[in-house]
Amino acid sequence: MRVWHISNETLLDRGIEVSRLGSHKETTEIPQSQRDQSFTFAFTPTAHSIGDWGILSSLPKYIKKLYPNSTIAVPNPTLCHKIFQPLFDRGEWSSITKKPWETGYMMWQHNPYIDHWLSPGEWEHEIYTDHYRVWSHEDNFNEPLIEQILRAFGATDEELTQWDTRPKLYFSKEEEEECNEIITKHIGNNPYGCLLFSGRVEKYMGRWEFDPILFPDAQEFADMPVFYYSQFDLDKTEWGNIFKNKINFKDLGLTLRHQLYIKQKAHFNLGYQSGITDSISGGGSKITMLTPFDERGLGSNCIRGTKYWFKDQTFKVY
């Protein structure tokens, strides 16, 4: 795994090969910056799937909390394309979207803690990335990435314990009105849930043979209407019997942001682990996900408060 940094709008290789990005807090000297200083904090994730940006959506809020006088700046799609073009040209993230450089703006737009979207030619200094991370324990791989990044920039363990750093997306008034109208049309004012049964990686597409692990959790919500997305026909499986009142997202012609809003507002989200569900997991919905990974494989992609079921029929809430 290579360590990167960004300077003068260019992605640079530090020439370091590591087995794990970041460092242990006991062996890391974390700069103790003055909390009241005024400066521009420019940041971007180095990966560009929906989940890569989604799980860090609360970062601007808590950098502002650390440094109230800071200006939070994020590359706009044009600058993102310029910085990461070598990776985009070789097809990175192309299985998700034809324009992965637009993912960040799609996921973080309307975030009230972002002060400025950087265009090419505006910023010749360093743009910080998610390669800045400090772990709490050398043998703890299941610490949310956002907490590791915040620790690298001066957050204390006490602050991280007190803060709710789970993902939170923001929407325009127009988006909210449109989505609330859709919800009311199909569900009325009743509580509802969302199901997701799909995978973007080829070996995880279709139905997972071990998904009956989720049946006991699903029974808690069996009488609720649901919106869903699935790569297989639910009505030809036990899922169709558990959830009889369901609306297929595919039939509604919604944008991805509309679907994200509906999921974030749902009473519960249940299904296969995905970046889409990760991204809305701080909105108050009860999240239960089946992951194909073991704990080490899940790594820093875990979200506080989410219930993860593993293939060995064990579960954990981080």
C-alpha atoms as a PDB file:
ATOM      1  CA  MET A   1       0.000   0.000   0.000  1.00  0.00           C
ATOM      2  CA  ARG A   2       1.518   3.345  -1.068  1.00  0.00           C
ATOM      3  CA  VAL A   3       1.326   6.579   0.911  1.00  0.00           C
ATOM      4  CA  TRP A   4       0.172   9.595  -1.098  1.00  0.00           C
ATOM      5  CA  HIS A   5      -0.064  13.313  -0.568  1.00  0.00           C
ATOM      6  CA  ILE A   6      -1.392  16.173  -2.682  1.00  0.00           C
ATOM      7  CA  SER A   7       0.527  19.384  -3.312  1.00  0.00           C
ATOM      8  CA  ASN A   8       0.109  22.007  -6.021  1.00  0.00           C
ATOM      9  CA  GLU A   9      -2.945  20.121  -7.269  1.00  0.00           C
ATOM     10  CA  THR A  10      -0.861  17.011  -7.985  1.00  0.00           C
ATOM     11  CA  LEU A  11      -1.125  13.524  -6.476  1.00  0.00           C
ATOM     12  CA  LEU A  12       2.350  12.530  -5.288  1.00  0.00           C
ATOM     13  CA  ASP A  13       3.778   9.241  -4.037  1.00  0.00           C
ATOM     14  CA  ARG A  14       5.780   9.646  -0.820  1.00  0.00           C
ATOM     15  CA  GLY A  15       7.830   6.604  -1.805  1.00  0.00           C
ATOM     16  CA  ILE A  16       6.714   4.630   1.227  1.00  0.00           C
ATOM     17  CA  GLU A  17       5.219   1.130   1.141  1.00  0.00           C
ATOM     18  CA  VAL A  18       3.149   0.200   4.218  1.00  0.00           C
ATOM     19  CA  SER A  19       0.926  -2.686   5.260  1.00  0.00           C
ATOM     20  CA  ARG A  20      -1.502  -0.309   6.958  1.00  0.00           C
ATOM     21  CA  LEU A  21      -1.993   3.414   6.419  1.00  0.00           C
ATOM     22  CA  GLY A  22      -1.445   5.653   9.423  1.00  0.00           C
ATOM     23  CA  SER A  23       0.333   5.107  12.730  1.00  0.00           C
ATOM     24  CA  HIS A  24      -0.333   4.131  16.339  1.00  0.00           C
ATOM     25  CA  LYS A  25      -1.042   7.030  18.715  1.00  0.00           C
ATOM     26  CA  GLU A  26       1.578   5.852  21.201  1.00  0.00           C
ATOM     27  CA  THR A  27       4.316   6.213  18.589  1.00  0.00           C
ATOM     28  CA  THR A  28       2.983   9.340  16.865  1.00  0.00           C
ATOM     29  CA  GLU A  29       3.673  12.938  17.771  1.00  0.00           C
ATOM     30  CA  ILE A  30       0.401  14.686  16.976  1.00  0.00           C
ATOM     31  CA  PRO A  31       0.784  18.430  16.311  1.00  0.00           C
ATOM     32  CA  GLN A  32      -0.946  20.496  19.006  1.00  0.00           C
ATOM     33  CA  SER A  33      -2.267  23.376  16.933  1.00  0.00           C
ATOM     34  CA  GLN A  34      -3.965  26.348  18.516  1.00  0.00           C
ATOM     35  CA  ARG A  35      -7.690  25.764  18.292  1.00  0.00           C
ATOM     36  CA  ASP A  36      -8.498  29.433  17.580  1.00  0.00           C
ATOM     37  CA  GLN A  37      -6.165  29.874  14.607  1.00  0.00           C
ATOM     38  CA  SER A  38      -7.539  30.949  11.225  1.00  0.00           C
ATOM     39  CA  PHE A  39      -6.481  28.804   8.270  1.00  0.00           C
ATOM     40  CA  THR A  40      -7.823  26.924   5.259  1.00  0.00           C
ATOM     41  CA  PHE A  41      -8.287  23.200   5.774  1.00  0.00           C
ATOM     42  CA  ALA A  42      -8.386  21.654   2.302  1.00  0.00           C
ATOM     43  CA  PHE A  43      -9.328  17.971   2.224  1.00  0.00           C
ATOM     44  CA  THR A  44     -10.293  15.147  -0.101  1.00  0.00           C
ATOM     45  CA  PRO A  45     -10.628  11.365   0.214  1.00  0.00           C
ATOM     46  CA  THR A  46      -8.249   9.494  -2.088  1.00  0.00           C
ATOM     47  CA  ALA A  47     -10.908   6.985  -3.188  1.00  0.00           C
ATOM     48  CA  HIS A  48     -14.093   7.926  -4.984  1.00  0.00           C
ATOM     49  CA  SER A  49     -16.873   5.425  -4.461  1.00  0.00           C
ATOM     50  CA  ILE A  50     -20.110   6.515  -2.811  1.00  0.00           C
ATOM     51  CA  GLY A  51     -19.065   4.934   0.465  1.00  0.00           C
ATOM     52  CA  ASP A  52     -15.544   6.402   0.399  1.00  0.00           C
ATOM     53  CA  TRP A  53     -16.993   9.905   0.513  1.00  0.00           C
ATOM     54  CA  GLY A  54     -20.139   8.988   2.428  1.00  0.00           C
ATOM     55  CA  ILE A  55     -18.467   7.596   5.544  1.00  0.00           C
ATOM     56  CA  LEU A  56     -16.454  10.824   5.934  1.00  0.00           C
ATOM     57  CA  SER A  57     -19.358  13.235   5.436  1.00  0.00           C
ATOM     58  CA  SER A  58     -19.224  14.434   9.054  1.00  0.00           C
ATOM     59  CA  LEU A  59     -15.539  15.341   8.827  1.00  0.00           C
ATOM     60  CA  PRO A  60     -16.101  19.026   7.907  1.00  0.00           C
ATOM     61  CA  LYS A  61     -18.384  19.442  10.926  1.00  0.00           C
ATOM     62  CA  TYR A  62     -15.820  18.142  13.392  1.00  0.00           C
ATOM     63  CA  ILE A  63     -12.825  19.897  11.840  1.00  0.00           C
ATOM     64  CA  LYS A  64     -14.914  23.054  12.390  1.00  0.00           C
ATOM     65  CA  LYS A  65     -15.478  21.939  15.961  1.00  0.00           C
ATOM     66  CA  LEU A  66     -11.721  21.501  16.442  1.00  0.00           C
ATOM     67  CA  TYR A  67     -10.874  24.756  14.657  1.00  0.00           C
ATOM     68  CA  PRO A  68     -13.886  27.116  14.684  1.00  0.00           C
ATOM     69  CA  ASN A  69     -12.070  29.804  12.678  1.00  0.00           C
ATOM     70  CA  SER A  70     -10.956  27.475   9.913  1.00  0.00           C
ATOM     71  CA  THR A  71     -12.193  27.593   6.329  1.00  0.00           C
ATOM     72  CA  ILE A  72     -13.172  24.143   5.038  1.00  0.00           C
ATOM     73  CA  ALA A  73     -12.367  23.703   1.348  1.00  0.00           C
ATOM     74  CA  VAL A  74     -12.981  20.649  -0.858  1.00  0.00           C
ATOM     75  CA  PRO A  75     -11.978  20.077  -4.513  1.00  0.00           C
ATOM     76  CA  ASN A  76     -14.849  20.526  -6.949  1.00  0.00           C
ATOM     77  CA  PRO A  77     -15.366  17.876  -9.656  1.00  0.00           C
ATOM     78  CA  THR A  78     -13.051  19.637 -12.125  1.00  0.00           C
ATOM     79  CA  LEU A  79     -10.179  19.835  -9.646  1.00  0.00           C
ATOM     80  CA  CYS A  80     -10.848  16.301  -8.426  1.00  0.00           C
ATOM     81  CA  HIS A  81     -10.521  15.081 -12.016  1.00  0.00           C
ATOM     82  CA  LYS A  82      -7.251  16.983 -12.437  1.00  0.00           C
ATOM     83  CA  ILE A  83      -5.707  15.565  -9.243  1.00  0.00           C
ATOM     84  CA  PHE A  84      -6.762  11.950  -9.667  1.00  0.00           C
ATOM     85  CA  GLN A  85      -6.788  11.712 -13.481  1.00  0.00           C
ATOM     86  CA  PRO A  86      -4.038   9.032 -13.600  1.00  0.00           C
ATOM     87  CA  LEU A  87      -6.234   6.757 -11.483  1.00  0.00           C
ATOM     88  CA  PHE A  88      -9.433   7.587 -13.360  1.00  0.00           C
ATOM     89  CA  ASP A  89      -7.699   6.948 -16.708  1.00  0.00           C
ATOM     90  CA  ARG A  90      -6.873   3.394 -15.681  1.00  0.00           C
ATOM     91  CA  GLY A  91     -10.492   2.718 -14.781  1.00  0.00           C
ATOM     92  CA  GLU A  92     -10.505   3.082 -10.990  1.00  0.00           C
ATOM     93  CA  TRP A  93     -14.097   3.285  -9.651  1.00  0.00           C
ATOM     94  CA  SER A  94     -15.529   3.093 -13.190  1.00  0.00           C
ATOM     95  CA  SER A  95     -17.720   0.154 -12.152  1.00  0.00           C
ATOM     96  CA  ILE A  96     -19.662   2.554  -9.918  1.00  0.00           C
ATOM     97  CA  THR A  97     -20.018   5.590 -12.129  1.00  0.00           C
ATOM     98  CA  LYS A  98     -18.710   6.799 -15.465  1.00  0.00           C
ATOM     99  CA  LYS A  99     -17.619  10.036 -13.767  1.00  0.00           C
ATOM    100  CA  PRO A 100     -16.159   9.130 -10.343  1.00  0.00           C
ATOM    101  CA  TRP A 101     -14.684  12.625 -10.006  1.00  0.00           C
ATOM    102  CA  GLU A 102     -18.266  13.864  -9.473  1.00  0.00           C
ATOM    103  CA  THR A 103     -18.937  11.512  -6.537  1.00  0.00           C
ATOM    104  CA  GLY A 104     -17.593  13.866  -3.878  1.00  0.00           C
ATOM    105  CA  TYR A 105     -19.755  16.800  -4.880  1.00  0.00           C
ATOM    106  CA  MET A 106     -22.806  14.569  -5.210  1.00  0.00           C
ATOM    107  CA  MET A 107     -22.323  13.226  -1.685  1.00  0.00           C
ATOM    108  CA  TRP A 108     -21.164  16.384   0.121  1.00  0.00           C
ATOM    109  CA  GLN A 109     -23.193  19.101  -1.582  1.00  0.00           C
ATOM    110  CA  HIS A 110     -25.336  21.259   0.743  1.00  0.00           C
ATOM    111  CA  ASN A 111     -23.062  20.362   3.669  1.00  0.00           C
ATOM    112  CA  PRO A 112     -23.288  23.546   5.784  1.00  0.00           C
ATOM    113  CA  TYR A 113     -19.780  23.039   7.192  1.00  0.00           C
ATOM    114  CA  ILE A 114     -18.071  23.311   3.793  1.00  0.00           C
ATOM    115  CA  ASP A 115     -17.111  26.917   3.069  1.00  0.00           C
ATOM    116  CA  HIS A 116     -15.708  26.597  -0.417  1.00  0.00           C
ATOM    117  CA  TRP A 117     -15.386  24.198  -3.350  1.00  0.00           C
ATOM    118  CA  LEU A 118     -11.909  24.595  -4.835  1.00  0.00           C
ATOM    119  CA  SER A 119     -11.438  25.048  -8.586  1.00  0.00           C
ATOM    120  CA  PRO A 120      -8.202  24.387 -10.511  1.00  0.00           C
ATOM    121  CA  GLY A 121      -5.625  27.129 -10.006  1.00  0.00           C
ATOM    122  CA  GLU A 122      -6.950  28.240  -6.618  1.00  0.00           C
ATOM    123  CA  TRP A 123      -4.819  26.249  -4.185  1.00  0.00           C
ATOM    124  CA  GLU A 124      -1.103  25.501  -4.547  1.00  0.00           C
ATOM    125  CA  HIS A 125      -0.632  24.220  -0.997  1.00  0.00           C
ATOM    126  CA  GLU A 126      -1.269  20.779   0.449  1.00  0.00           C
ATOM    127  CA  ILE A 127      -4.700  19.218   0.257  1.00  0.00           C
ATOM    128  CA  TYR A 128      -5.007  16.829   3.184  1.00  0.00           C
ATOM    129  CA  THR A 129      -6.247  13.303   2.529  1.00  0.00           C
ATOM    130  CA  ASP A 130      -7.524  10.223   4.318  1.00  0.00           C
ATOM    131  CA  HIS A 131      -3.940   8.917   4.411  1.00  0.00           C
ATOM    132  CA  TYR A 132      -3.576  11.057   7.540  1.00  0.00           C
ATOM    133  CA  ARG A 133      -4.804   8.699  10.246  1.00  0.00           C
ATOM    134  CA  VAL A 134      -3.799   7.727  13.779  1.00  0.00           C
ATOM    135  CA  TRP A 135      -5.191   4.544  15.371  1.00  0.00           C
ATOM    136  CA  SER A 136      -6.019   4.097  19.018  1.00  0.00           C
ATOM    137  CA  HIS A 137      -4.684   0.510  19.233  1.00  0.00           C
ATOM    138  CA  GLU A 138      -2.229  -1.360  17.041  1.00  0.00           C
ATOM    139  CA  ASP A 139      -4.388  -4.487  17.042  1.00  0.00           C
ATOM    140  CA  ASN A 140      -7.736  -2.693  16.635  1.00  0.00           C
ATOM    141  CA  PHE A 141      -8.635  -2.616  12.967  1.00  0.00           C
ATOM    142  CA  ASN A 142     -12.295  -1.767  13.639  1.00  0.00           C
ATOM    143  CA  GLU A 143     -12.066   1.906  14.465  1.00  0.00           C
ATOM    144  CA  PRO A 144     -14.052   4.194  12.120  1.00  0.00           C
ATOM    145  CA  LEU A 145     -11.816   5.927   9.620  1.00  0.00           C
ATOM    146  CA  ILE A 146     -13.210   9.355  10.468  1.00  0.00           C
ATOM    147  CA  GLU A 147     -12.074   8.968  14.085  1.00  0.00           C
ATOM    148  CA  GLN A 148      -8.549   8.059  12.972  1.00  0.00           C
ATOM    149  CA  ILE A 149      -8.395  11.122  10.711  1.00  0.00           C
ATOM    150  CA  LEU A 150      -9.729  13.479  13.379  1.00  0.00           C
ATOM    151  CA  ARG A 151      -7.171  12.128  15.859  1.00  0.00           C
ATOM    152  CA  ALA A 152      -4.409  12.865  13.329  1.00  0.00           C
ATOM    153  CA  PHE A 153      -5.524  16.496  13.279  1.00  0.00           C
ATOM    154  CA  GLY A 154      -5.647  16.928  17.028  1.00  0.00           C
ATOM    155  CA  ALA A 155      -8.895  15.444  18.364  1.00  0.00           C
ATOM    156  CA  THR A 156      -8.528  13.791  21.769  1.00  0.00           C
ATOM    157  CA  ASP A 157      -9.896  10.358  22.628  1.00  0.00           C
ATOM    158  CA  GLU A 158     -12.307  12.057  25.045  1.00  0.00           C
ATOM    159  CA  GLU A 159     -13.670  14.260  22.259  1.00  0.00           C
ATOM    160  CA  LEU A 160     -14.050  11.309  19.909  1.00  0.00           C
ATOM    161  CA  THR A 161     -16.025   9.450  22.576  1.00  0.00           C
ATOM    162  CA  GLN A 162     -18.408  12.397  22.982  1.00  0.00           C
ATOM    163  CA  TRP A 163     -18.931  13.236  19.307  1.00  0.00           C
ATOM    164  CA  ASP A 164     -21.390  11.562  16.963  1.00  0.00           C
ATOM    165  CA  THR A 165     -19.186  11.286  13.894  1.00  0.00           C
ATOM    166  CA  ARG A 166     -21.468   8.929  11.977  1.00  0.00           C
ATOM    167  CA  PRO A 167     -22.199   9.863   8.345  1.00  0.00           C
ATOM    168  CA  LYS A 168     -24.781  12.581   7.762  1.00  0.00           C
ATOM    169  CA  LEU A 169     -25.881  13.798   4.333  1.00  0.00           C
ATOM    170  CA  TYR A 170     -27.545  17.135   3.666  1.00  0.00           C
ATOM    171  CA  PHE A 171     -30.220  18.019   1.150  1.00  0.00           C
ATOM    172  CA  SER A 172     -31.711  21.107  -0.413  1.00  0.00           C
ATOM    173  CA  LYS A 173     -35.206  22.240   0.498  1.00  0.00           C
ATOM    174  CA  GLU A 174     -36.339  21.271  -2.995  1.00  0.00           C
ATOM    175  CA  GLU A 175     -34.925  17.756  -2.627  1.00  0.00           C
ATOM    176  CA  GLU A 176     -36.600  17.343   0.756  1.00  0.00           C
ATOM    177  CA  GLU A 177     -39.974  18.478  -0.582  1.00  0.00           C
ATOM    178  CA  GLU A 178     -39.746  16.175  -3.620  1.00  0.00           C
ATOM    179  CA  CYS A 179     -38.777  13.169  -1.534  1.00  0.00           C
ATOM    180  CA  ASN A 180     -41.358  13.805   1.182  1.00  0.00           C
ATOM    181  CA  GLU A 181     -44.005  13.926  -1.540  1.00  0.00           C
ATOM    182  CA  ILE A 182     -42.830  10.538  -2.869  1.00  0.00           C
ATOM    183  CA  ILE A 183     -42.863   9.034   0.612  1.00  0.00           C
ATOM    184  CA  THR A 184     -46.340  10.367   1.356  1.00  0.00           C
ATOM    185  CA  LYS A 185     -47.670   9.124  -1.985  1.00  0.00           C
ATOM    186  CA  HIS A 186     -46.530   5.545  -1.392  1.00  0.00           C
ATOM    187  CA  ILE A 187     -46.433   5.216   2.402  1.00  0.00           C
ATOM    188  CA  GLY A 188     -48.584   8.006   3.807  1.00  0.00           C
ATOM    189  CA  ASN A 189     -47.442   9.158   7.224  1.00  0.00           C
ATOM    190  CA  ASN A 190     -46.576   5.637   8.382  1.00  0.00           C
ATOM    191  CA  PRO A 191     -43.100   4.522   9.486  1.00  0.00           C
ATOM    192  CA  TYR A 192     -41.275   2.617   6.767  1.00  0.00           C
ATOM    193  CA  GLY A 193     -37.997   0.857   6.117  1.00  0.00           C
ATOM    194  CA  CYS A 194     -35.527   0.303   3.310  1.00  0.00           C
ATOM    195  CA  LEU A 195     -33.985  -2.936   2.048  1.00  0.00           C
ATOM    196  CA  LEU A 196     -30.866  -3.283  -0.078  1.00  0.00           C
ATOM    197  CA  PHE A 197     -29.766  -6.598  -1.582  1.00  0.00           C
ATOM    198  CA  SER A 198     -27.004  -5.913  -4.086  1.00  0.00           C
ATOM    199  CA  GLY A 199     -23.251  -5.775  -4.530  1.00  0.00           C
ATOM    200  CA  ARG A 200     -21.109  -3.790  -6.955  1.00  0.00           C
ATOM    201  CA  VAL A 201     -18.209  -6.274  -6.961  1.00  0.00           C
ATOM    202  CA  GLU A 202     -18.967  -9.143  -9.356  1.00  0.00           C
ATOM    203  CA  LYS A 203     -18.515 -11.953  -6.829  1.00  0.00           C
ATOM    204  CA  TYR A 204     -21.013 -10.275  -4.485  1.00  0.00           C
ATOM    205  CA  MET A 205     -23.708  -9.586  -7.075  1.00  0.00           C
ATOM    206  CA  GLY A 206     -27.020 -11.392  -6.816  1.00  0.00           C
ATOM    207  CA  ARG A 207     -28.271 -13.183  -3.737  1.00  0.00           C
ATOM    208  CA  TRP A 208     -25.902 -14.184  -0.949  1.00  0.00           C
ATOM    209  CA  GLU A 209     -26.621 -17.733   0.163  1.00  0.00           C
ATOM    210  CA  PHE A 210     -26.027 -16.813   3.816  1.00  0.00           C
ATOM    211  CA  ASP A 211     -28.558 -13.938   3.951  1.00  0.00           C
ATOM    212  CA  PRO A 212     -31.086 -15.961   6.054  1.00  0.00           C
ATOM    213  CA  ILE A 213     -28.873 -14.810   8.940  1.00  0.00           C
ATOM    214  CA  LEU A 214     -30.853 -11.573   8.708  1.00  0.00           C
ATOM    215  CA  PHE A 215     -34.324 -13.162   8.984  1.00  0.00           C
ATOM    216  CA  PRO A 216     -34.709 -12.788  12.792  1.00  0.00           C
ATOM    217  CA  ASP A 217     -33.878  -9.064  12.602  1.00  0.00           C
ATOM    218  CA  ALA A 218     -36.208  -8.643   9.637  1.00  0.00           C
ATOM    219  CA  GLN A 219     -39.145 -10.139  11.534  1.00  0.00           C
ATOM    220  CA  GLU A 220     -39.119  -7.136  13.871  1.00  0.00           C
ATOM    221  CA  PHE A 221     -40.224  -4.972  10.929  1.00  0.00           C
ATOM    222  CA  ALA A 222     -42.305  -7.485   8.958  1.00  0.00           C
ATOM    223  CA  ASP A 223     -45.479  -5.397   9.060  1.00  0.00           C
ATOM    224  CA  MET A 224     -43.841  -2.193   7.844  1.00  0.00           C
ATOM    225  CA  PRO A 225     -43.908  -1.005   4.232  1.00  0.00           C
ATOM    226  CA  VAL A 226     -40.488  -0.773   2.587  1.00  0.00           C
ATOM    227  CA  PHE A 227     -38.680   0.795  -0.307  1.00  0.00           C
ATOM    228  CA  TYR A 228     -36.102  -1.586  -1.728  1.00  0.00           C
ATOM    229  CA  TYR A 229     -33.392  -2.228  -4.271  1.00  0.00           C
ATOM    230  CA  SER A 230     -32.450  -5.809  -5.116  1.00  0.00           C
ATOM    231  CA  GLN A 231     -30.473  -7.697  -7.746  1.00  0.00           C
ATOM    232  CA  PHE A 232     -32.837 -10.645  -7.441  1.00  0.00           C
ATOM    233  CA  ASP A 233     -36.626 -11.058  -7.329  1.00  0.00           C
ATOM    234  CA  LEU A 234     -37.647 -10.788  -3.680  1.00  0.00           C
ATOM    235  CA  ASP A 235     -41.021 -12.401  -4.361  1.00  0.00           C
ATOM    236  CA  LYS A 236     -39.282 -15.617  -5.396  1.00  0.00           C
ATOM    237  CA  THR A 237     -37.549 -15.838  -2.025  1.00  0.00           C
ATOM    238  CA  GLU A 238     -38.473 -15.780   1.658  1.00  0.00           C
ATOM    239  CA  TRP A 239     -37.934 -12.013   1.610  1.00  0.00           C
ATOM    240  CA  GLY A 240     -41.133 -11.606  -0.366  1.00  0.00           C
ATOM    241  CA  ASN A 241     -43.067 -13.345   2.408  1.00  0.00           C
ATOM    242  CA  ILE A 242     -41.536 -11.222   5.163  1.00  0.00           C
ATOM    243  CA  PHE A 243     -42.100  -7.898   3.391  1.00  0.00           C
ATOM    244  CA  LYS A 244     -45.339  -7.977   1.427  1.00  0.00           C
ATOM    245  CA  ASN A 245     -45.864  -4.221   1.174  1.00  0.00           C
ATOM    246  CA  LYS A 246     -42.874  -3.021  -0.819  1.00  0.00           C
ATOM    247  CA  ILE A 247     -41.981  -0.400  -3.411  1.00  0.00           C
ATOM    248  CA  ASN A 248     -39.106  -1.039  -5.829  1.00  0.00           C
ATOM    249  CA  PHE A 249     -36.774   1.953  -6.214  1.00  0.00           C
ATOM    250  CA  LYS A 250     -36.212   0.832  -9.828  1.00  0.00           C
ATOM    251  CA  ASP A 251     -39.853   1.587 -10.640  1.00  0.00           C
ATOM    252  CA  LEU A 252     -39.740   5.161  -9.347  1.00  0.00           C
ATOM    253  CA  GLY A 253     -37.073   6.667 -11.617  1.00  0.00           C
ATOM    254  CA  LEU A 254     -35.398   8.497  -8.731  1.00  0.00           C
ATOM    255  CA  THR A 255     -31.978  10.090  -8.613  1.00  0.00           C
ATOM    256  CA  LEU A 256     -29.442   8.541  -6.290  1.00  0.00           C
ATOM    257  CA  ARG A 257     -29.723  11.551  -3.963  1.00  0.00           C
ATOM    258  CA  HIS A 258     -33.504  11.034  -3.767  1.00  0.00           C
ATOM    259  CA  GLN A 259     -32.908   7.417  -2.766  1.00  0.00           C
ATOM    260  CA  LEU A 260     -30.321   8.479  -0.181  1.00  0.00           C
ATOM    261  CA  TYR A 261     -32.773  10.919   1.388  1.00  0.00           C
ATOM    262  CA  ILE A 262     -35.510   8.285   1.573  1.00  0.00           C
ATOM    263  CA  LYS A 263     -33.066   5.813   3.135  1.00  0.00           C
ATOM    264  CA  GLN A 264     -31.741   8.342   5.635  1.00  0.00           C
ATOM    265  CA  LYS A 265     -35.269   9.184   6.782  1.00  0.00           C
ATOM    266  CA  ALA A 266     -36.380   5.536   7.087  1.00  0.00           C
ATOM    267  CA  HIS A 267     -37.193   3.916  10.431  1.00  0.00           C
ATOM    268  CA  PHE A 268     -34.799   1.092   9.558  1.00  0.00           C
ATOM    269  CA  ASN A 269     -32.356  -0.036   6.860  1.00  0.00           C
ATOM    270  CA  LEU A 270     -31.602  -3.730   6.474  1.00  0.00           C
ATOM    271  CA  GLY A 271     -29.681  -5.793   3.930  1.00  0.00           C
ATOM    272  CA  TYR A 272     -26.230  -6.279   2.476  1.00  0.00           C
ATOM    273  CA  GLN A 273     -23.449  -3.938   3.501  1.00  0.00           C
ATOM    274  CA  SER A 274     -22.990  -1.179   0.957  1.00  0.00           C
ATOM    275  CA  GLY A 275     -21.545   2.293   0.700  1.00  0.00           C
ATOM    276  CA  ILE A 276     -25.030   3.651   0.047  1.00  0.00           C
ATOM    277  CA  THR A 277     -26.345   2.434   3.398  1.00  0.00           C
ATOM    278  CA  ASP A 278     -23.089   3.320   5.176  1.00  0.00           C
ATOM    279  CA  SER A 279     -23.527   6.881   3.952  1.00  0.00           C
ATOM    280  CA  ILE A 280     -26.908   7.455   5.609  1.00  0.00           C
ATOM    281  CA  SER A 281     -26.243   5.600   8.846  1.00  0.00           C
ATOM    282  CA  GLY A 282     -26.083   8.705  11.027  1.00  0.00           C
ATOM    283  CA  GLY A 283     -29.560   9.930  10.208  1.00  0.00           C
ATOM    284  CA  GLY A 284     -31.430   8.135  12.990  1.00  0.00           C
ATOM    285  CA  SER A 285     -32.371   4.979  11.093  1.00  0.00           C
ATOM    286  CA  LYS A 286     -31.779   1.599  12.736  1.00  0.00           C
ATOM    287  CA  ILE A 287     -29.113  -0.060  10.587  1.00  0.00           C
ATOM    288  CA  THR A 288     -28.591  -3.816  10.287  1.00  0.00           C
ATOM    289  CA  MET A 289     -26.203  -5.085   7.635  1.00  0.00           C
ATOM    290  CA  LEU A 290     -24.811  -8.407   6.529  1.00  0.00           C
ATOM    291  CA  THR A 291     -21.145  -8.132   5.558  1.00  0.00           C
ATOM    292  CA  PRO A 292     -19.204 -10.657   3.462  1.00  0.00           C
ATOM    293  CA  PHE A 293     -16.021  -9.753   5.362  1.00  0.00           C
ATOM    294  CA  ASP A 294     -14.626 -10.852   8.706  1.00  0.00           C
ATOM    295  CA  GLU A 295     -13.855  -8.181  11.311  1.00  0.00           C
ATOM    296  CA  ARG A 296     -10.383  -7.488   9.986  1.00  0.00           C
ATOM    297  CA  GLY A 297     -11.728  -7.288   6.457  1.00  0.00           C
ATOM    298  CA  LEU A 298     -14.405  -4.821   7.557  1.00  0.00           C
ATOM    299  CA  GLY A 299     -11.619  -2.715   9.029  1.00  0.00           C
ATOM    300  CA  SER A 300     -12.070   1.036   9.353  1.00  0.00           C
ATOM    301  CA  ASN A 301     -15.226   0.973   7.209  1.00  0.00           C
ATOM    302  CA  CYS A 302     -17.287   0.167  10.300  1.00  0.00           C
ATOM    303  CA  ILE A 303     -19.866   2.699  11.534  1.00  0.00           C
ATOM    304  CA  ARG A 304     -20.682   3.289  15.189  1.00  0.00           C
ATOM    305  CA  GLY A 305     -24.105   1.994  16.206  1.00  0.00           C
ATOM    306  CA  THR A 306     -24.567  -0.218  13.143  1.00  0.00           C
ATOM    307  CA  LYS A 307     -25.253  -3.908  13.683  1.00  0.00           C
ATOM    308  CA  TYR A 308     -23.034  -6.076  11.484  1.00  0.00           C
ATOM    309  CA  TRP A 309     -23.766  -9.741  10.908  1.00  0.00           C
ATOM    310  CA  PHE A 310     -20.887 -11.957   9.739  1.00  0.00           C
ATOM    311  CA  LYS A 311     -21.016 -15.165   7.714  1.00  0.00           C
ATOM    312  CA  ASP A 312     -20.180 -17.221  10.808  1.00  0.00           C
ATOM    313  CA  GLN A 313     -23.555 -16.097  12.278  1.00  0.00           C
ATOM    314  CA  THR A 314     -21.991 -13.773  14.843  1.00  0.00           C
ATOM    315  CA  PHE A 315     -22.742 -10.081  15.022  1.00  0.00           C
ATOM    316  CA  LYS A 316     -21.154  -6.969  16.461  1.00  0.00           C
ATOM    317  CA  VAL A 317     -22.173  -3.358  17.118  1.00  0.00           C
ATOM    318  CA  TYR A 318     -19.172  -1.053  17.157  1.00  0.00           C
END
